[in-house]
Every structure is written in structure tokens, then in C-alpha cells.
Amino acid sequence: MRPIKVFVTRPVPEAGLVKLKQAGIGFEISRRPEGLPQKELIQKIRGKDGILCLLTDKINAKVMEGAGSQLKVISNHAVGYDNIDIPEATRRGILVT
């Protein structure tokens, strides 16, 4: 079984990263607090199993398609999920938290 990989779209509190480490999940973090343009975001999430994003990151069908079929979870570090295309995630079998 290959290791799980997650892309974190922006800096988040260290406590969240500790939880990923404790679970043995590999991750890459964008240190740009303003977020990434969609094209760059797609490049960074390609091949990842999960995305940890913030409310200002638009996760739509194009982004999900760019990630690849191994994408299984999108976790929003926010209140709400208006930034995520829920019907598209559901269609693809991607869990949204």
C-alpha cells in the first residue's frame, strides 16, 4: 500500500499538521497565505489523496479533475463549505469534511 499524501493549500495551525504527522500522512504545504492561482493549485494537488483547504480556495470540478481519480477527501478548515462543489465531489465519490 502506498503512503497517503495530502496537499495543504495554505498555512494552518501547527496542531492540525501534528495530527497528520501522528497519522503517518505525508503532506505538502503551500506557505503562501494568499492562496494559489487555480492552475498552480491543480499542479500541486495532482496525485494527492486529499486536500486540506480554506474557505477562500475554490475547489470545483476542474480542480478535482486535475487532482486525479485517487483524490478521496477534501477537508475544509473553515465553517461551511460554499467553496467546494459538493455535487461534483459526490459524483466522484470524494468525501468532504
PDB file of N, CA and C in Angstrom:
ATOM      1  N   MET A   1       0.850  -1.194   0.000  1.00  0.00           N
ATOM      2  CA  MET A   1       0.000   0.000   0.000  1.00  0.00           C
ATOM      3  C   MET A   1       0.884   1.242   0.000  1.00  0.00           C
ATOM      4  N   ARG A   2       0.589   2.170  -0.876  1.00  0.00           N
ATOM      5  CA  ARG A   2       1.404   3.384  -0.956  1.00  0.00           C
ATOM      6  C   ARG A   2       0.998   4.371   0.144  1.00  0.00           C
ATOM      7  N   PRO A   3       1.924   5.230   0.543  1.00  0.00           N
ATOM      8  CA  PRO A   3       1.603   6.208   1.594  1.00  0.00           C
ATOM      9  C   PRO A   3       0.554   7.224   1.126  1.00  0.00           C
ATOM     10  N   ILE A   4      -0.253   7.677   2.066  1.00  0.00           N
ATOM     11  CA  ILE A   4      -1.270   8.691   1.782  1.00  0.00           C
ATOM     12  C   ILE A   4      -0.587  10.050   1.694  1.00  0.00           C
ATOM     13  N   LYS A   5      -1.008  10.847   0.695  1.00  0.00           N
ATOM     14  CA  LYS A   5      -0.436  12.182   0.501  1.00  0.00           C
ATOM     15  C   LYS A   5      -1.547  13.224   0.460  1.00  0.00           C
ATOM     16  N   VAL A   6      -1.312  14.323   1.158  1.00  0.00           N
ATOM     17  CA  VAL A   6      -2.277  15.413   1.252  1.00  0.00           C
ATOM     18  C   VAL A   6      -1.591  16.720   0.871  1.00  0.00           C
ATOM     19  N   PHE A   7      -2.336  17.593   0.195  1.00  0.00           N
ATOM     20  CA  PHE A   7      -1.832  18.935  -0.065  1.00  0.00           C
ATOM     21  C   PHE A   7      -2.604  19.911   0.807  1.00  0.00           C
ATOM     22  N   VAL A   8      -1.883  20.735   1.558  1.00  0.00           N
ATOM     23  CA  VAL A   8      -2.455  21.764   2.418  1.00  0.00           C
ATOM     24  C   VAL A   8      -2.293  23.083   1.678  1.00  0.00           C
ATOM     25  N   THR A   9      -3.416  23.720   1.347  1.00  0.00           N
ATOM     26  CA  THR A   9      -3.395  24.865   0.432  1.00  0.00           C
ATOM     27  C   THR A   9      -2.815  26.154   1.001  1.00  0.00           C
ATOM     28  N   ARG A  10      -2.750  26.269   2.322  1.00  0.00           N
ATOM     29  CA  ARG A  10      -2.229  27.478   2.978  1.00  0.00           C
ATOM     30  C   ARG A  10      -1.712  27.110   4.364  1.00  0.00           C
ATOM     31  N   PRO A  11      -0.985  28.009   4.983  1.00  0.00           N
ATOM     32  CA  PRO A  11      -0.561  27.735   6.364  1.00  0.00           C
ATOM     33  C   PRO A  11      -1.780  27.530   7.263  1.00  0.00           C
ATOM     34  N   VAL A  12      -1.721  26.509   8.097  1.00  0.00           N
ATOM     35  CA  VAL A  12      -2.785  26.213   9.067  1.00  0.00           C
ATOM     36  C   VAL A  12      -2.129  26.057  10.440  1.00  0.00           C
ATOM     37  N   PRO A  13      -2.918  26.078  11.507  1.00  0.00           N
ATOM     38  CA  PRO A  13      -2.330  25.903  12.837  1.00  0.00           C
ATOM     39  C   PRO A  13      -1.523  24.602  12.938  1.00  0.00           C
ATOM     40  N   GLU A  14      -0.426  24.685  13.638  1.00  0.00           N
ATOM     41  CA  GLU A  14       0.500  23.550  13.785  1.00  0.00           C
ATOM     42  C   GLU A  14      -0.199  22.315  14.352  1.00  0.00           C
ATOM     43  N   ALA A  15      -1.197  22.503  15.195  1.00  0.00           N
ATOM     44  CA  ALA A  15      -1.900  21.361  15.793  1.00  0.00           C
ATOM     45  C   ALA A  15      -2.490  20.444  14.722  1.00  0.00           C
ATOM     46  N   GLY A  16      -2.979  21.015  13.644  1.00  0.00           N
ATOM     47  CA  GLY A  16      -3.534  20.208  12.554  1.00  0.00           C
ATOM     48  C   GLY A  16      -2.459  19.411  11.846  1.00  0.00           C
ATOM     49  N   LEU A  17      -1.313  20.016  11.661  1.00  0.00           N
ATOM     50  CA  LEU A  17      -0.207  19.322  10.997  1.00  0.00           C
ATOM     51  C   LEU A  17       0.340  18.199  11.868  1.00  0.00           C
ATOM     52  N   VAL A  18       0.337  18.415  13.179  1.00  0.00           N
ATOM     53  CA  VAL A  18       0.780  17.377  14.113  1.00  0.00           C
ATOM     54  C   VAL A  18      -0.117  16.151  13.969  1.00  0.00           C
ATOM     55  N   LYS A  19      -1.415  16.379  13.830  1.00  0.00           N
ATOM     56  CA  LYS A  19      -2.354  15.254  13.670  1.00  0.00           C
ATOM     57  C   LYS A  19      -2.048  14.469  12.399  1.00  0.00           C
ATOM     58  N   LEU A  20      -1.736  15.168  11.316  1.00  0.00           N
ATOM     59  CA  LEU A  20      -1.372  14.473  10.077  1.00  0.00           C
ATOM     60  C   LEU A  20      -0.111  13.638  10.283  1.00  0.00           C
ATOM     61  N   LYS A  21       0.882  14.242  10.928  1.00  0.00           N
ATOM     62  CA  LYS A  21       2.136  13.525  11.195  1.00  0.00           C
ATOM     63  C   LYS A  21       1.890  12.290  12.046  1.00  0.00           C
ATOM     64  N   GLN A  22       1.100  12.438  13.104  1.00  0.00           N
ATOM     65  CA  GLN A  22       0.811  11.321  14.003  1.00  0.00           C
ATOM     66  C   GLN A  22       0.107  10.180  13.271  1.00  0.00           C
ATOM     67  N   ALA A  23      -0.683  10.521  12.265  1.00  0.00           N
ATOM     68  CA  ALA A  23      -1.406   9.504  11.500  1.00  0.00           C
ATOM     69  C   ALA A  23      -0.540   8.897  10.400  1.00  0.00           C
ATOM     70  N   GLY A  24       0.683   9.399  10.261  1.00  0.00           N
ATOM     71  CA  GLY A  24       1.581   8.882   9.234  1.00  0.00           C
ATOM     72  C   GLY A  24       1.236   9.345   7.835  1.00  0.00           C
ATOM     73  N   ILE A  25       0.543  10.466   7.741  1.00  0.00           N
ATOM     74  CA  ILE A  25       0.129  11.007   6.448  1.00  0.00           C
ATOM     75  C   ILE A  25       1.190  11.988   5.962  1.00  0.00           C
ATOM     76  N   GLY A  26       1.652  11.773   4.753  1.00  0.00           N
ATOM     77  CA  GLY A  26       2.600  12.696   4.149  1.00  0.00           C
ATOM     78  C   GLY A  26       1.860  13.911   3.619  1.00  0.00           C
ATOM     79  N   PHE A  27       2.462  15.067   3.761  1.00  0.00           N
ATOM     80  CA  PHE A  27       1.784  16.265   3.271  1.00  0.00           C
ATOM     81  C   PHE A  27       2.782  17.291   2.764  1.00  0.00           C
ATOM     82  N   GLU A  28       2.267  18.140   1.904  1.00  0.00           N
ATOM     83  CA  GLU A  28       2.996  19.283   1.362  1.00  0.00           C
ATOM     84  C   GLU A  28       2.135  20.505   1.650  1.00  0.00           C
ATOM     85  N   ILE A  29       2.776  21.600   2.035  1.00  0.00           N
ATOM     86  CA  ILE A  29       2.050  22.814   2.404  1.00  0.00           C
ATOM     87  C   ILE A  29       2.456  23.966   1.506  1.00  0.00           C
ATOM     88  N   SER A  30       1.470  24.718   1.048  1.00  0.00           N
ATOM     89  CA  SER A  30       1.751  25.985   0.401  1.00  0.00           C
ATOM     90  C   SER A  30       1.917  27.013   1.519  1.00  0.00           C
ATOM     91  N   ARG A  31       3.020  27.708   1.527  1.00  0.00           N
ATOM     92  CA  ARG A  31       3.276  28.718   2.560  1.00  0.00           C
ATOM     93  C   ARG A  31       2.761  30.100   2.151  1.00  0.00           C
ATOM     94  N   ARG A  32       2.034  30.151   1.028  1.00  0.00           N
ATOM     95  CA  ARG A  32       1.506  31.434   0.548  1.00  0.00           C
ATOM     96  C   ARG A  32       0.145  31.704   1.178  1.00  0.00           C
ATOM     97  N   PRO A  33       0.069  32.624   2.140  1.00  0.00           N
ATOM     98  CA  PRO A  33      -1.197  32.874   2.838  1.00  0.00           C
ATOM     99  C   PRO A  33      -2.302  33.393   1.927  1.00  0.00           C
ATOM    100  N   GLU A  34      -1.930  33.967   0.785  1.00  0.00           N
ATOM    101  CA  GLU A  34      -2.948  34.489  -0.127  1.00  0.00           C
ATOM    102  C   GLU A  34      -3.544  33.399  -1.012  1.00  0.00           C
ATOM    103  N   GLY A  35      -3.005  32.195  -0.935  1.00  0.00           N
ATOM    104  CA  GLY A  35      -3.517  31.098  -1.744  1.00  0.00           C
ATOM    105  C   GLY A  35      -2.819  31.020  -3.087  1.00  0.00           C
ATOM    106  N   LEU A  36      -3.168  29.986  -3.830  1.00  0.00           N
ATOM    107  CA  LEU A  36      -2.547  29.735  -5.132  1.00  0.00           C
ATOM    108  C   LEU A  36      -3.547  29.994  -6.252  1.00  0.00           C
ATOM    109  N   PRO A  37      -3.069  30.480  -7.388  1.00  0.00           N
ATOM    110  CA  PRO A  37      -3.956  30.549  -8.551  1.00  0.00           C
ATOM    111  C   PRO A  37      -4.398  29.126  -8.918  1.00  0.00           C
ATOM    112  N   GLN A  38      -5.561  29.000  -9.534  1.00  0.00           N
ATOM    113  CA  GLN A  38      -6.116  27.680  -9.825  1.00  0.00           C
ATOM    114  C   GLN A  38      -5.150  26.772 -10.593  1.00  0.00           C
ATOM    115  N   LYS A  39      -4.473  27.300 -11.572  1.00  0.00           N
ATOM    116  CA  LYS A  39      -3.552  26.490 -12.373  1.00  0.00           C
ATOM    117  C   LYS A  39      -2.442  25.892 -11.497  1.00  0.00           C
ATOM    118  N   GLU A  40      -1.897  26.701 -10.619  1.00  0.00           N
ATOM    119  CA  GLU A  40      -0.838  26.228  -9.724  1.00  0.00           C
ATOM    120  C   GLU A  40      -1.387  25.248  -8.679  1.00  0.00           C
ATOM    121  N   LEU A  41      -2.590  25.523  -8.187  1.00  0.00           N
ATOM    122  CA  LEU A  41      -3.230  24.619  -7.232  1.00  0.00           C
ATOM    123  C   LEU A  41      -3.397  23.235  -7.860  1.00  0.00           C
ATOM    124  N   ILE A  42      -3.859  23.187  -9.088  1.00  0.00           N
ATOM    125  CA  ILE A  42      -4.047  21.910  -9.774  1.00  0.00           C
ATOM    126  C   ILE A  42      -2.717  21.174  -9.909  1.00  0.00           C
ATOM    127  N   GLN A  43      -1.663  21.889 -10.223  1.00  0.00           N
ATOM    128  CA  GLN A  43      -0.345  21.242 -10.324  1.00  0.00           C
ATOM    129  C   GLN A  43       0.075  20.639  -8.984  1.00  0.00           C
ATOM    130  N   LYS A  44      -0.186  21.351  -7.901  1.00  0.00           N
ATOM    131  CA  LYS A  44       0.234  20.900  -6.574  1.00  0.00           C
ATOM    132  C   LYS A  44      -0.585  19.714  -6.058  1.00  0.00           C
ATOM    133  N   ILE A  45      -1.865  19.636  -6.435  1.00  0.00           N
ATOM    134  CA  ILE A  45      -2.703  18.560  -5.915  1.00  0.00           C
ATOM    135  C   ILE A  45      -2.688  17.309  -6.792  1.00  0.00           C
ATOM    136  N   ARG A  46      -2.088  17.416  -7.967  1.00  0.00           N
ATOM    137  CA  ARG A  46      -2.042  16.251  -8.859  1.00  0.00           C
ATOM    138  C   ARG A  46      -1.400  15.064  -8.145  1.00  0.00           C
ATOM    139  N   GLY A  47      -2.124  13.952  -8.112  1.00  0.00           N
ATOM    140  CA  GLY A  47      -1.610  12.749  -7.482  1.00  0.00           C
ATOM    141  C   GLY A  47      -1.825  12.655  -5.986  1.00  0.00           C
ATOM    142  N   LYS A  48      -2.414  13.672  -5.384  1.00  0.00           N
ATOM    143  CA  LYS A  48      -2.641  13.655  -3.937  1.00  0.00           C
ATOM    144  C   LYS A  48      -3.948  12.921  -3.618  1.00  0.00           C
ATOM    145  N   ASP A  49      -3.997  12.328  -2.440  1.00  0.00           N
ATOM    146  CA  ASP A  49      -5.182  11.608  -1.970  1.00  0.00           C
ATOM    147  C   ASP A  49      -6.169  12.531  -1.273  1.00  0.00           C
ATOM    148  N   GLY A  50      -5.669  13.651  -0.762  1.00  0.00           N
ATOM    149  CA  GLY A  50      -6.520  14.570  -0.030  1.00  0.00           C
ATOM    150  C   GLY A  50      -6.084  16.009  -0.195  1.00  0.00           C
ATOM    151  N   ILE A  51      -7.039  16.897   0.052  1.00  0.00           N
ATOM    152  CA  ILE A  51      -6.781  18.339   0.033  1.00  0.00           C
ATOM    153  C   ILE A  51      -7.289  18.896   1.359  1.00  0.00           C
ATOM    154  N   LEU A  52      -6.449  19.662   2.025  1.00  0.00           N
ATOM    155  CA  LEU A  52      -6.864  20.420   3.208  1.00  0.00           C
ATOM    156  C   LEU A  52      -6.863  21.877   2.767  1.00  0.00           C
ATOM    157  N   CYS A  53      -8.062  22.461   2.644  1.00  0.00           N
ATOM    158  CA  CYS A  53      -8.181  23.807   2.077  1.00  0.00           C
ATOM    159  C   CYS A  53      -8.874  24.750   3.050  1.00  0.00           C
ATOM    160  N   LEU A  54      -8.919  26.008   2.659  1.00  0.00           N
ATOM    161  CA  LEU A  54      -9.625  27.031   3.408  1.00  0.00           C
ATOM    162  C   LEU A  54     -10.799  27.538   2.583  1.00  0.00           C
ATOM    163  N   LEU A  55     -11.672  28.299   3.221  1.00  0.00           N
ATOM    164  CA  LEU A  55     -12.905  28.768   2.598  1.00  0.00           C
ATOM    165  C   LEU A  55     -12.664  29.576   1.320  1.00  0.00           C
ATOM    166  N   THR A  56     -11.536  30.226   1.208  1.00  0.00           N
ATOM    167  CA  THR A  56     -11.260  31.062   0.040  1.00  0.00           C
ATOM    168  C   THR A  56     -10.660  30.267  -1.127  1.00  0.00           C
ATOM    169  N   ASP A  57     -10.411  28.969  -0.933  1.00  0.00           N
ATOM    170  CA  ASP A  57      -9.929  28.109  -2.017  1.00  0.00           C
ATOM    171  C   ASP A  57     -11.133  27.511  -2.735  1.00  0.00           C
ATOM    172  N   LYS A  58     -11.273  27.807  -4.009  1.00  0.00           N
ATOM    173  CA  LYS A  58     -12.399  27.289  -4.789  1.00  0.00           C
ATOM    174  C   LYS A  58     -12.052  25.898  -5.314  1.00  0.00           C
ATOM    175  N   ILE A  59     -12.739  24.899  -4.804  1.00  0.00           N
ATOM    176  CA  ILE A  59     -12.497  23.521  -5.206  1.00  0.00           C
ATOM    177  C   ILE A  59     -13.686  23.079  -6.062  1.00  0.00           C
ATOM    178  N   ASN A  60     -13.506  23.222  -7.372  1.00  0.00           N
ATOM    179  CA  ASN A  60     -14.574  22.921  -8.321  1.00  0.00           C
ATOM    180  C   ASN A  60     -14.234  21.668  -9.136  1.00  0.00           C
ATOM    181  N   ALA A  61     -15.060  21.372 -10.130  1.00  0.00           N
ATOM    182  CA  ALA A  61     -14.861  20.176 -10.953  1.00  0.00           C
ATOM    183  C   ALA A  61     -13.508  20.178 -11.644  1.00  0.00           C
ATOM    184  N   LYS A  62     -13.073  21.324 -12.121  1.00  0.00           N
ATOM    185  CA  LYS A  62     -11.784  21.409 -12.813  1.00  0.00           C
ATOM    186  C   LYS A  62     -10.635  21.042 -11.867  1.00  0.00           C
ATOM    187  N   VAL A  63     -10.709  21.517 -10.636  1.00  0.00           N
ATOM    188  CA  VAL A  63      -9.676  21.210  -9.638  1.00  0.00           C
ATOM    189  C   VAL A  63      -9.701  19.720  -9.302  1.00  0.00           C
ATOM    190  N   MET A  64     -10.883  19.172  -9.096  1.00  0.00           N
ATOM    191  CA  MET A  64     -10.996  17.746  -8.774  1.00  0.00           C
ATOM    192  C   MET A  64     -10.476  16.886  -9.921  1.00  0.00           C
ATOM    193  N   GLU A  65     -10.815  17.257 -11.127  1.00  0.00           N
ATOM    194  CA  GLU A  65     -10.333  16.528 -12.301  1.00  0.00           C
ATOM    195  C   GLU A  65      -8.814  16.584 -12.381  1.00  0.00           C
ATOM    196  N   GLY A  66      -8.260  17.752 -12.101  1.00  0.00           N
ATOM    197  CA  GLY A  66      -6.818  17.927 -12.145  1.00  0.00           C
ATOM    198  C   GLY A  66      -6.083  17.123 -11.091  1.00  0.00           C
ATOM    199  N   ALA A  67      -6.726  16.890  -9.965  1.00  0.00           N
ATOM    200  CA  ALA A  67      -6.094  16.108  -8.894  1.00  0.00           C
ATOM    201  C   ALA A  67      -5.896  14.666  -9.332  1.00  0.00           C
ATOM    202  N   GLY A  68      -6.887  14.108  -9.988  1.00  0.00           N
ATOM    203  CA  GLY A  68      -6.822  12.715 -10.414  1.00  0.00           C
ATOM    204  C   GLY A  68      -7.812  11.848  -9.668  1.00  0.00           C
ATOM    205  N   SER A  69      -7.984  10.640 -10.156  1.00  0.00           N
ATOM    206  CA  SER A  69      -9.009   9.745  -9.612  1.00  0.00           C
ATOM    207  C   SER A  69      -8.677   9.210  -8.220  1.00  0.00           C
ATOM    208  N   GLN A  70      -7.436   9.378  -7.761  1.00  0.00           N
ATOM    209  CA  GLN A  70      -7.074   8.897  -6.423  1.00  0.00           C
ATOM    210  C   GLN A  70      -7.524   9.856  -5.326  1.00  0.00           C
ATOM    211  N   LEU A  71      -7.988  11.072  -5.683  1.00  0.00           N
ATOM    212  CA  LEU A  71      -8.457  12.035  -4.676  1.00  0.00           C
ATOM    213  C   LEU A  71      -9.674  11.454  -3.964  1.00  0.00           C
ATOM    214  N   LYS A  72      -9.578  11.304  -2.649  1.00  0.00           N
ATOM    215  CA  LYS A  72     -10.650  10.675  -1.875  1.00  0.00           C
ATOM    216  C   LYS A  72     -11.271  11.565  -0.820  1.00  0.00           C
ATOM    217  N   VAL A  73     -10.587  12.652  -0.432  1.00  0.00           N
ATOM    218  CA  VAL A  73     -11.136  13.505   0.625  1.00  0.00           C
ATOM    219  C   VAL A  73     -10.711  14.962   0.414  1.00  0.00           C
ATOM    220  N   ILE A  74     -11.664  15.847   0.667  1.00  0.00           N
ATOM    221  CA  ILE A  74     -11.409  17.288   0.689  1.00  0.00           C
ATOM    222  C   ILE A  74     -11.861  17.759   2.070  1.00  0.00           C
ATOM    223  N   SER A  75     -10.936  18.298   2.832  1.00  0.00           N
ATOM    224  CA  SER A  75     -11.239  18.764   4.177  1.00  0.00           C
ATOM    225  C   SER A  75     -11.113  20.281   4.202  1.00  0.00           C
ATOM    226  N   ASN A  76     -12.157  20.937   4.639  1.00  0.00           N
ATOM    227  CA  ASN A  76     -12.205  22.397   4.656  1.00  0.00           C
ATOM    228  C   ASN A  76     -11.922  22.878   6.072  1.00  0.00           C
ATOM    229  N   HIS A  77     -10.855  23.639   6.246  1.00  0.00           N
ATOM    230  CA  HIS A  77     -10.524  24.217   7.549  1.00  0.00           C
ATOM    231  C   HIS A  77     -11.282  25.541   7.640  1.00  0.00           C
ATOM    232  N   ALA A  78     -12.583  25.425   7.877  1.00  0.00           N
ATOM    233  CA  ALA A  78     -13.446  26.598   7.866  1.00  0.00           C
ATOM    234  C   ALA A  78     -14.817  26.209   8.401  1.00  0.00           C
ATOM    235  N   VAL A  79     -15.645  27.198   8.563  1.00  0.00           N
ATOM    236  CA  VAL A  79     -17.045  26.971   8.874  1.00  0.00           C
ATOM    237  C   VAL A  79     -17.782  27.048   7.548  1.00  0.00           C
ATOM    238  N   GLY A  80     -18.436  25.984   7.185  1.00  0.00           N
ATOM    239  CA  GLY A  80     -19.150  25.955   5.912  1.00  0.00           C
ATOM    240  C   GLY A  80     -18.335  25.292   4.821  1.00  0.00           C
ATOM    241  N   TYR A  81     -18.930  25.239   3.628  1.00  0.00           N
ATOM    242  CA  TYR A  81     -18.282  24.563   2.505  1.00  0.00           C
ATOM    243  C   TYR A  81     -18.734  25.135   1.162  1.00  0.00           C
ATOM    244  N   ASP A  82     -19.117  26.399   1.153  1.00  0.00           N
ATOM    245  CA  ASP A  82     -19.571  27.040  -0.080  1.00  0.00           C
ATOM    246  C   ASP A  82     -18.503  27.058  -1.172  1.00  0.00           C
ATOM    247  N   ASN A  83     -17.267  26.878  -0.803  1.00  0.00           N
ATOM    248  CA  ASN A  83     -16.156  26.917  -1.758  1.00  0.00           C
ATOM    249  C   ASN A  83     -15.927  25.586  -2.466  1.00  0.00           C
ATOM    250  N   ILE A  84     -16.656  24.551  -2.058  1.00  0.00           N
ATOM    251  CA  ILE A  84     -16.466  23.216  -2.636  1.00  0.00           C
ATOM    252  C   ILE A  84     -17.712  22.819  -3.417  1.00  0.00           C
ATOM    253  N   ASP A  85     -17.515  22.322  -4.613  1.00  0.00           N
ATOM    254  CA  ASP A  85     -18.613  21.843  -5.452  1.00  0.00           C
ATOM    255  C   ASP A  85     -19.035  20.468  -4.915  1.00  0.00           C
ATOM    256  N   ILE A  86     -19.993  20.475  -4.005  1.00  0.00           N
ATOM    257  CA  ILE A  86     -20.432  19.250  -3.329  1.00  0.00           C
ATOM    258  C   ILE A  86     -21.043  18.239  -4.306  1.00  0.00           C
ATOM    259  N   PRO A  87     -21.935  18.646  -5.212  1.00  0.00           N
ATOM    260  CA  PRO A  87     -22.476  17.656  -6.153  1.00  0.00           C
ATOM    261  C   PRO A  87     -21.380  16.970  -6.984  1.00  0.00           C
ATOM    262  N   GLU A  88     -20.372  17.717  -7.377  1.00  0.00           N
ATOM    263  CA  GLU A  88     -19.274  17.137  -8.156  1.00  0.00           C
ATOM    264  C   GLU A  88     -18.453  16.177  -7.301  1.00  0.00           C
ATOM    265  N   ALA A  89     -18.177  16.560  -6.072  1.00  0.00           N
ATOM    266  CA  ALA A  89     -17.440  15.685  -5.166  1.00  0.00           C
ATOM    267  C   ALA A  89     -18.223  14.394  -4.925  1.00  0.00           C
ATOM    268  N   THR A  90     -19.513  14.507  -4.732  1.00  0.00           N
ATOM    269  CA  THR A  90     -20.372  13.348  -4.510  1.00  0.00           C
ATOM    270  C   THR A  90     -20.330  12.439  -5.735  1.00  0.00           C
ATOM    271  N   ARG A  91     -20.449  13.022  -6.906  1.00  0.00           N
ATOM    272  CA  ARG A  91     -20.419  12.253  -8.146  1.00  0.00           C
ATOM    273  C   ARG A  91     -19.125  11.458  -8.282  1.00  0.00           C
ATOM    274  N   ARG A  92     -18.049  12.042  -7.811  1.00  0.00           N
ATOM    275  CA  ARG A  92     -16.725  11.399  -7.896  1.00  0.00           C
ATOM    276  C   ARG A  92     -16.413  10.492  -6.711  1.00  0.00           C
ATOM    277  N   GLY A  93     -17.302  10.445  -5.729  1.00  0.00           N
ATOM    278  CA  GLY A  93     -17.072   9.606  -4.551  1.00  0.00           C
ATOM    279  C   GLY A  93     -16.033  10.187  -3.610  1.00  0.00           C
ATOM    280  N   ILE A  94     -15.918  11.509  -3.601  1.00  0.00           N
ATOM    281  CA  ILE A  94     -14.949  12.203  -2.730  1.00  0.00           C
ATOM    282  C   ILE A  94     -15.671  12.655  -1.466  1.00  0.00           C
ATOM    283  N   LEU A  95     -15.126  12.273  -0.326  1.00  0.00           N
ATOM    284  CA  LEU A  95     -15.668  12.684   0.963  1.00  0.00           C
ATOM    285  C   LEU A  95     -15.291  14.136   1.224  1.00  0.00           C
ATOM    286  N   VAL A  96     -16.253  14.948   1.670  1.00  0.00           N
ATOM    287  CA  VAL A  96     -15.999  16.341   2.019  1.00  0.00           C
ATOM    288  C   VAL A  96     -16.253  16.506   3.502  1.00  0.00           C
ATOM    289  N   THR A  97     -15.253  17.071   4.205  1.00  0.00           N
ATOM    290  CA  THR A  97     -15.393  17.271   5.644  1.00  0.00           C
ATOM    291  C   THR A  97     -15.155  18.730   5.977  1.00  0.00           C
TER     292      THR A  97
END
